C-alpha atoms as a PDB file:
ATOM      1  CA  MET A   1      91.241 105.839 133.290  1.00  0.00           C
ATOM      2  CA  SER A   2      93.461 104.042 135.832  1.00  0.00           C
ATOM      3  CA  LEU A   3      97.085 104.979 136.243  1.00  0.00           C
ATOM      4  CA  THR A   4      98.199 101.582 134.942  1.00  0.00           C
ATOM      5  CA  TYR A   5      96.169 101.954 131.767  1.00  0.00           C
ATOM      6  CA  TYR A   6      97.274 105.564 131.387  1.00  0.00           C
ATOM      7  CA  CYS A   7     100.975 104.619 131.522  1.00  0.00           C
ATOM      8  CA  SER A   8     100.492 101.689 129.166  1.00  0.00           C
ATOM      9  CA  PHE A   9      98.699 103.945 126.687  1.00  0.00           C
ATOM     10  CA  LYS A  10     101.490 106.524 126.701  1.00  0.00           C
ATOM     11  CA  LEU A  11     104.242 103.964 126.236  1.00  0.00           C
ATOM     12  CA  ALA A  12     102.299 102.167 123.509  1.00  0.00           C
ATOM     13  CA  ALA A  13     101.789 105.463 121.678  1.00  0.00           C
ATOM     14  CA  LEU A  14     105.512 106.181 121.759  1.00  0.00           C
ATOM     15  CA  ALA A  15     106.267 102.675 120.461  1.00  0.00           C
ATOM     16  CA  LEU A  16     103.797 103.235 117.636  1.00  0.00           C
ATOM     17  CA  VAL A  17     105.496 106.499 116.670  1.00  0.00           C
ATOM     18  CA  PHE A  18     108.877 104.728 116.650  1.00  0.00           C
ATOM     19  CA  SER A  19     107.539 101.904 114.445  1.00  0.00           C
ATOM     20  CA  ALA A  20     105.833 104.297 112.056  1.00  0.00           C
ATOM     21  CA  MET A  21     109.078 106.209 111.649  1.00  0.00           C
ATOM     22  CA  GLY A  22     110.878 103.064 110.485  1.00  0.00           C
ATOM     23  CA  ALA A  23     108.006 101.995 108.214  1.00  0.00           C
ATOM     24  CA  SER A  24     107.812 105.347 106.465  1.00  0.00           C
ATOM     25  CA  GLU A  25     111.493 105.094 105.520  1.00  0.00           C
ATOM     26  CA  ALA A  26     111.310 101.534 104.162  1.00  0.00           C
ATOM     27  CA  LYS A  27     111.687 101.271 100.402  1.00  0.00           C
ATOM     28  CA  ALA A  28     111.802  98.444  97.894  1.00  0.00           C
ATOM     29  CA  ASP A  29     114.274  97.996  95.056  1.00  0.00           C
ATOM     30  CA  THR A  30     113.069  98.998  91.597  1.00  0.00           C
ATOM     31  CA  ILE A  31     113.829  97.355  88.259  1.00  0.00           C
ATOM     32  CA  ALA A  32     115.668  99.297  85.559  1.00  0.00           C
ATOM     33  CA  PHE A  33     113.619  98.219  82.527  1.00  0.00           C
ATOM     34  CA  THR A  34     110.036  97.118  81.937  1.00  0.00           C
ATOM     35  CA  ALA A  35     109.352  94.940  78.892  1.00  0.00           C
ATOM     36  CA  PRO A  36     106.573  95.778  76.393  1.00  0.00           C
ATOM     37  CA  GLY A  37     103.553  93.528  76.110  1.00  0.00           C
ATOM     38  CA  SER A  38     104.340  91.962  72.724  1.00  0.00           C
ATOM     39  CA  LEU A  39     107.682  90.511  71.579  1.00  0.00           C
ATOM     40  CA  THR A  40     109.123  88.401  68.770  1.00  0.00           C
ATOM     41  CA  TYR A  41     111.239  85.367  69.680  1.00  0.00           C
ATOM     42  CA  ASP A  42     114.314  83.718  68.183  1.00  0.00           C
ATOM     43  CA  THR A  43     117.076  81.285  69.187  1.00  0.00           C
ATOM     44  CA  GLY A  44     120.867  81.230  69.138  1.00  0.00           C
ATOM     45  CA  ALA A  45     123.848  81.251  71.492  1.00  0.00           C
ATOM     46  CA  VAL A  46     124.309  85.010  71.693  1.00  0.00           C
ATOM     47  CA  ASN A  47     125.065  87.853  74.079  1.00  0.00           C
ATOM     48  CA  LEU A  48     122.288  90.454  74.159  1.00  0.00           C
ATOM     49  CA  GLY A  49     122.989  93.849  75.667  1.00  0.00           C
ATOM     50  CA  LEU A  50     120.993  96.874  76.738  1.00  0.00           C
ATOM     51  CA  VAL A  51     123.039 100.069  76.783  1.00  0.00           C
ATOM     52  CA  PHE A  52     122.068 102.824  79.207  1.00  0.00           C
ATOM     53  CA  THR A  53     123.328 105.952  80.910  1.00  0.00           C
ATOM     54  CA  ALA A  54     122.896 106.526  84.620  1.00  0.00           C
ATOM     55  CA  THR A  55     121.110 109.831  85.220  1.00  0.00           C
ATOM     56  CA  THR A  56     121.920 109.793  88.941  1.00  0.00           C
ATOM     57  CA  PRO A  57     124.333 107.800  91.131  1.00  0.00           C
ATOM     58  CA  PHE A  58     122.840 104.518  92.324  1.00  0.00           C
ATOM     59  CA  SER A  59     123.796 100.960  93.243  1.00  0.00           C
ATOM     60  CA  VAL A  60     122.925  97.781  91.366  1.00  0.00           C
ATOM     61  CA  ASP A  61     122.297  94.878  93.759  1.00  0.00           C
ATOM     62  CA  ALA A  62     120.683  92.250  91.518  1.00  0.00           C
ATOM     63  CA  LEU A  63     120.909  91.064  87.904  1.00  0.00           C
ATOM     64  CA  GLY A  64     117.998  89.497  86.068  1.00  0.00           C
ATOM     65  CA  ILE A  65     116.678  87.641  83.018  1.00  0.00           C
ATOM     66  CA  TYR A  66     113.342  87.936  81.268  1.00  0.00           C
ATOM     67  CA  ASP A  67     110.831  85.150  81.888  1.00  0.00           C
ATOM     68  CA  TYR A  68     109.880  84.586  78.240  1.00  0.00           C
ATOM     69  CA  PRO A  69     108.075  81.567  76.767  1.00  0.00           C
ATOM     70  CA  GLY A  70     110.407  78.612  76.325  1.00  0.00           C
ATOM     71  CA  LEU A  71     112.899  79.654  78.999  1.00  0.00           C
ATOM     72  CA  ALA A  72     114.255  76.298  80.114  1.00  0.00           C
ATOM     73  CA  GLY A  73     117.471  76.915  82.035  1.00  0.00           C
ATOM     74  CA  PRO A  74     119.738  79.434  83.752  1.00  0.00           C
ATOM     75  CA  GLU A  75     121.445  82.303  81.961  1.00  0.00           C
ATOM     76  CA  GLN A  76     124.562  84.341  82.668  1.00  0.00           C
ATOM     77  CA  VAL A  77     124.176  88.081  83.128  1.00  0.00           C
ATOM     78  CA  GLY A  78     126.925  90.686  83.261  1.00  0.00           C
ATOM     79  CA  LEU A  79     127.142  94.416  83.938  1.00  0.00           C
ATOM     80  CA  TYR A  80     129.870  96.237  81.981  1.00  0.00           C
ATOM     81  CA  ASN A  81     131.189  99.778  81.874  1.00  0.00           C
ATOM     82  CA  SER A  82     131.710 101.542  78.540  1.00  0.00           C
ATOM     83  CA  SER A  83     135.253 100.151  78.255  1.00  0.00           C
ATOM     84  CA  GLY A  84     134.003  96.572  78.434  1.00  0.00           C
ATOM     85  CA  ASN A  85     135.167  95.933  81.992  1.00  0.00           C
ATOM     86  CA  LEU A  86     132.945  93.474  83.855  1.00  0.00           C
ATOM     87  CA  LEU A  87     131.605  95.108  87.033  1.00  0.00           C
ATOM     88  CA  ALA A  88     129.283  92.356  88.222  1.00  0.00           C
ATOM     89  CA  SER A  89     127.946  89.028  87.008  1.00  0.00           C
ATOM     90  CA  ALA A  90     125.547  86.304  88.081  1.00  0.00           C
ATOM     91  CA  THR A  91     124.060  83.049  86.888  1.00  0.00           C
ATOM     92  CA  VAL A  92     120.326  83.618  87.154  1.00  0.00           C
ATOM     93  CA  THR A  93     118.139  80.550  87.598  1.00  0.00           C
ATOM     94  CA  LEU A  94     114.439  79.834  87.269  1.00  0.00           C
ATOM     95  CA  THR A  95     114.209  79.384  91.036  1.00  0.00           C
ATOM     96  CA  ASP A  96     115.373  82.937  91.759  1.00  0.00           C
ATOM     97  CA  PRO A  97     112.750  85.518  92.790  1.00  0.00           C
ATOM     98  CA  LEU A  98     110.403  86.503  89.943  1.00  0.00           C
ATOM     99  CA  ILE A  99     109.722  90.248  89.942  1.00  0.00           C
ATOM    100  CA  SER A 100     107.719  92.052  87.252  1.00  0.00           C
ATOM    101  CA  GLY A 101     108.420  89.341  84.683  1.00  0.00           C
ATOM    102  CA  TYR A 102     112.139  88.907  85.465  1.00  0.00           C
ATOM    103  CA  PHE A 103     114.093  86.429  87.577  1.00  0.00           C
ATOM    104  CA  PHE A 104     116.669  88.219  89.749  1.00  0.00           C
ATOM    105  CA  GLN A 105     119.863  87.004  91.420  1.00  0.00           C
ATOM    106  CA  SER A 106     121.462  89.200  94.095  1.00  0.00           C
ATOM    107  CA  VAL A 107     125.018  90.478  93.570  1.00  0.00           C
ATOM    108  CA  THR A 108     127.454  92.487  95.642  1.00  0.00           C
ATOM    109  CA  PRO A 109     126.232  96.090  95.179  1.00  0.00           C
ATOM    110  CA  VAL A 110     128.001  98.067  92.464  1.00  0.00           C
ATOM    111  CA  THR A 111     127.739 101.865  92.421  1.00  0.00           C
ATOM    112  CA  LEU A 112     127.188 103.497  89.029  1.00  0.00           C
ATOM    113  CA  SER A 113     128.132 107.099  88.305  1.00  0.00           C
ATOM    114  CA  ALA A 114     125.763 109.723  86.950  1.00  0.00           C
ATOM    115  CA  GLY A 115     126.470 110.504  83.288  1.00  0.00           C
ATOM    116  CA  SER A 116     128.398 107.270  82.668  1.00  0.00           C
ATOM    117  CA  THR A 117     127.319 104.635  80.134  1.00  0.00           C
ATOM    118  CA  TYR A 118     126.959 100.941  80.927  1.00  0.00           C
ATOM    119  CA  THR A 119     125.724  97.717  79.346  1.00  0.00           C
ATOM    120  CA  VAL A 120     123.720  94.987  81.031  1.00  0.00           C
ATOM    121  CA  ASP A 121     124.169  91.804  79.011  1.00  0.00           C
ATOM    122  CA  VAL A 122     122.815  88.266  79.025  1.00  0.00           C
ATOM    123  CA  PHE A 123     124.291  85.171  77.417  1.00  0.00           C
ATOM    124  CA  VAL A 124     121.200  83.134  76.551  1.00  0.00           C
ATOM    125  CA  GLY A 125     122.970  79.860  75.707  1.00  0.00           C
ATOM    126  CA  ASN A 126     120.416  77.342  74.457  1.00  0.00           C
ATOM    127  CA  ASN A 127     117.414  79.385  75.543  1.00  0.00           C
ATOM    128  CA  PRO A 128     115.305  81.419  73.136  1.00  0.00           C
ATOM    129  CA  PHE A 129     115.304  85.221  73.415  1.00  0.00           C
ATOM    130  CA  GLY A 130     112.920  88.059  72.690  1.00  0.00           C
ATOM    131  CA  TYR A 131     113.219  91.335  70.811  1.00  0.00           C
ATOM    132  CA  GLY A 132     110.917  94.225  70.113  1.00  0.00           C
ATOM    133  CA  PRO A 133     110.187  97.861  71.054  1.00  0.00           C
ATOM    134  CA  ALA A 134     112.419  99.759  73.438  1.00  0.00           C
ATOM    135  CA  PRO A 135     111.739  99.124  77.123  1.00  0.00           C
ATOM    136  CA  THR A 136     110.218 101.550  79.556  1.00  0.00           C
ATOM    137  CA  ALA A 137     113.184 102.804  81.566  1.00  0.00           C
ATOM    138  CA  ASN A 138     113.354 103.682  85.241  1.00  0.00           C
ATOM    139  CA  GLY A 139     113.916 107.395  85.860  1.00  0.00           C
ATOM    140  CA  ALA A 140     117.437 106.668  87.108  1.00  0.00           C
ATOM    141  CA  VAL A 141     118.562 105.495  83.649  1.00  0.00           C
ATOM    142  CA  THR A 142     118.316 106.591  80.024  1.00  0.00           C
ATOM    143  CA  TYR A 143     118.048 103.753  77.525  1.00  0.00           C
ATOM    144  CA  LYS A 144     120.556 104.137  74.660  1.00  0.00           C
ATOM    145  CA  GLY A 145     119.979 101.045  72.504  1.00  0.00           C
ATOM    146  CA  ALA A 146     120.780  97.361  72.045  1.00  0.00           C
ATOM    147  CA  THR A 147     123.978  95.445  71.253  1.00  0.00           C
ATOM    148  CA  TYR A 148     124.801  91.803  70.548  1.00  0.00           C
ATOM    149  CA  LEU A 149     127.682  89.371  70.116  1.00  0.00           C
ATOM    150  CA  TYR A 150     127.619  85.719  69.055  1.00  0.00           C
ATOM    151  CA  SER A 151     129.931  83.676  71.290  1.00  0.00           C
ATOM    152  CA  SER A 152     130.051  80.590  73.484  1.00  0.00           C
ATOM    153  CA  SER A 153     130.030  82.387  76.868  1.00  0.00           C
ATOM    154  CA  LEU A 154     129.309  85.684  78.582  1.00  0.00           C
ATOM    155  CA  ALA A 155     131.109  88.518  76.774  1.00  0.00           C
ATOM    156  CA  PHE A 156     130.831  92.255  76.184  1.00  0.00           C
ATOM    157  CA  PRO A 157     128.521  92.803  73.162  1.00  0.00           C
ATOM    158  CA  THR A 158     129.700  95.345  70.615  1.00  0.00           C
ATOM    159  CA  PHE A 159     127.556  94.933  67.490  1.00  0.00           C
ATOM    160  CA  THR A 160     124.494  97.090  66.816  1.00  0.00           C
ATOM    161  CA  PRO A 161     121.317  95.273  65.727  1.00  0.00           C
ATOM    162  CA  SER A 162     118.450  96.494  63.557  1.00  0.00           C
ATOM    163  CA  VAL A 163     115.933  96.033  66.396  1.00  0.00           C
ATOM    164  CA  PRO A 164     115.294  98.537  69.212  1.00  0.00           C
ATOM    165  CA  ALA A 165     115.847  96.169  72.136  1.00  0.00           C
ATOM    166  CA  PHE A 166     116.451  92.590  73.317  1.00  0.00           C
ATOM    167  CA  TYR A 167     114.785  90.779  76.241  1.00  0.00           C
ATOM    168  CA  GLY A 168     116.864  90.014  77.855  1.00  0.00           C
ATOM    169  CA  ALA A 169     118.869  91.247  80.714  1.00  0.00           C
ATOM    170  CA  ASN A 170     117.791  93.558  83.499  1.00  0.00           C
ATOM    171  CA  PHE A 171     118.955  94.766  86.900  1.00  0.00           C
ATOM    172  CA  GLU A 172     117.593  96.101  90.167  1.00  0.00           C
ATOM    173  CA  ILE A 173     118.351  99.562  91.472  1.00  0.00           C
ATOM    174  CA  ALA A 174     118.986  99.429  95.201  1.00  0.00           C
ATOM    175  CA  THR A 175     116.775 101.749  97.218  1.00  0.00           C
ATOM    176  CA  GLY A 176     116.773  99.830 100.502  1.00  0.00           C
ATOM    177  CA  ASP A 177     114.945  96.533 100.941  1.00  0.00           C
ATOM    178  CA  ASP A 178     115.006  96.814 104.721  1.00  0.00           C
ATOM    179  CA  PRO A 179     113.866  99.739 106.843  1.00  0.00           C
ATOM    180  CA  PRO A 180     116.925 101.900 107.542  1.00  0.00           C
ATOM    181  CA  VAL A 181     117.955 102.541 111.136  1.00  0.00           C
ATOM    182  CA  PRO A 182     116.597 105.974 112.165  1.00  0.00           C
ATOM    183  CA  GLU A 183     119.156 108.726 112.538  1.00  0.00           C
ATOM    184  CA  PRO A 184     120.777 108.845 116.001  1.00  0.00           C
ATOM    185  CA  ARG A 185     119.206 112.180 116.863  1.00  0.00           C
ATOM    186  CA  ASN A 186     115.739 110.765 116.161  1.00  0.00           C
ATOM    187  CA  VAL A 187     116.423 107.624 118.165  1.00  0.00           C
ATOM    188  CA  GLY A 188     117.742 109.697 121.039  1.00  0.00           C
ATOM    189  CA  ALA A 189     114.676 111.916 121.068  1.00  0.00           C
ATOM    190  CA  LEU A 190     112.298 108.967 121.082  1.00  0.00           C
ATOM    191  CA  VAL A 191     114.219 107.107 123.763  1.00  0.00           C
ATOM    192  CA  SER A 192     114.286 110.267 125.881  1.00  0.00           C
ATOM    193  CA  LEU A 193     110.536 110.654 125.539  1.00  0.00           C
ATOM    194  CA  ALA A 194     110.004 107.025 126.493  1.00  0.00           C
ATOM    195  CA  MET A 195     112.249 107.400 129.562  1.00  0.00           C
ATOM    196  CA  LEU A 196     110.506 110.598 130.627  1.00  0.00           C
ATOM    197  CA  ALA A 197     107.126 108.924 130.230  1.00  0.00           C
ATOM    198  CA  GLY A 198     108.331 105.955 132.287  1.00  0.00           C
ATOM    199  CA  CYS A 199     109.715 108.209 135.004  1.00  0.00           C
ATOM    200  CA  PHE A 200     106.496 110.232 135.077  1.00  0.00           C
ATOM    201  CA  CYS A 201     104.400 107.103 135.455  1.00  0.00           C
ATOM    202  CA  PHE A 202     106.718 105.747 138.157  1.00  0.00           C
ATOM    203  CA  ARG A 203     106.660 109.034 140.103  1.00  0.00           C
ATOM    204  CA  LYS A 204     102.870 109.202 139.825  1.00  0.00           C
ATOM    205  CA  ALA A 205     102.590 105.604 140.997  1.00  0.00           C
ATOM    206  CA  GLN A 206     104.846 106.324 143.988  1.00  0.00           C
ATOM    207  CA  SER A 207     102.864 109.447 144.842  1.00  0.00           C
ATOM    208  CA  ARG A 208      99.548 107.609 144.562  1.00  0.00           C
ATOM    209  CA  ALA A 209     100.915 104.771 146.739  1.00  0.00           C
ATOM    210  CA  SER A 210     102.150 107.245 149.360  1.00  0.00           C
ATOM    211  CA  GLU A 211      98.805 109.032 149.455  1.00  0.00           C
ATOM    212  CA  SER A 212      97.035 105.724 149.851  1.00  0.00           C
ATOM    213  CA  SER A 213      99.338 104.712 152.758  1.00  0.00           C
ATOM    214  CA  VAL A 214      98.756 108.037 154.506  1.00  0.00           C
ATOM    215  CA  ALA A 215      95.029 107.772 154.075  1.00  0.00           C
ATOM    216  CA  THR A 216      95.070 104.221 155.482  1.00  0.00           C
ATOM    217  CA  ALA A 217      97.142 105.307 158.470  1.00  0.00           C
ATOM    218  CA  LYS A 218      94.761 108.161 159.292  1.00  0.00           C
ATOM    219  CA  VAL A 219      91.800 105.800 159.232  1.00  0.00           C
END
């Protein structure tokens, strides 16, 4: 193997290690609730809430609406604490990203506290809505039940229905859409290795060139 190819191989290997480090740390957001396969549908201008408790601290960075049959327009979604204070809201449209059966609109991240109870609510307006069995919950939340409130706009729902759950509102739990920047100590180590490899190759190239010049002179 020539010196040029040898140096290129070493530097390429180090670059691959650096890239793999970033890729292994990349994570995608996860949704809080997964809807069951079969639902019943109804209509009415109503707020429909899902009450949950955070089992661990996390951030919410998107609010969503269920893509059910007959969905014809945007809906307002709100995230409330147990006192009814609005923490985040968004108007979710049918052109927003569709993920696992829900349209999601990004919001400024809101951090939820472990052990605290919250409600994610949707005002359906003129759209139909679904109801049925309780959703499958992400491990970061514990589903507590449904609430509702008839009104003309987004509002904190306080009434308890006779059904297990509405569909409905949802949210995304932020776990890092983009690969995080490696820790400084890791970056430093990799950069140092790359520099050492470069210096080694350069010194070897100089030595090989010097030897060649000497050999030529002797001839």
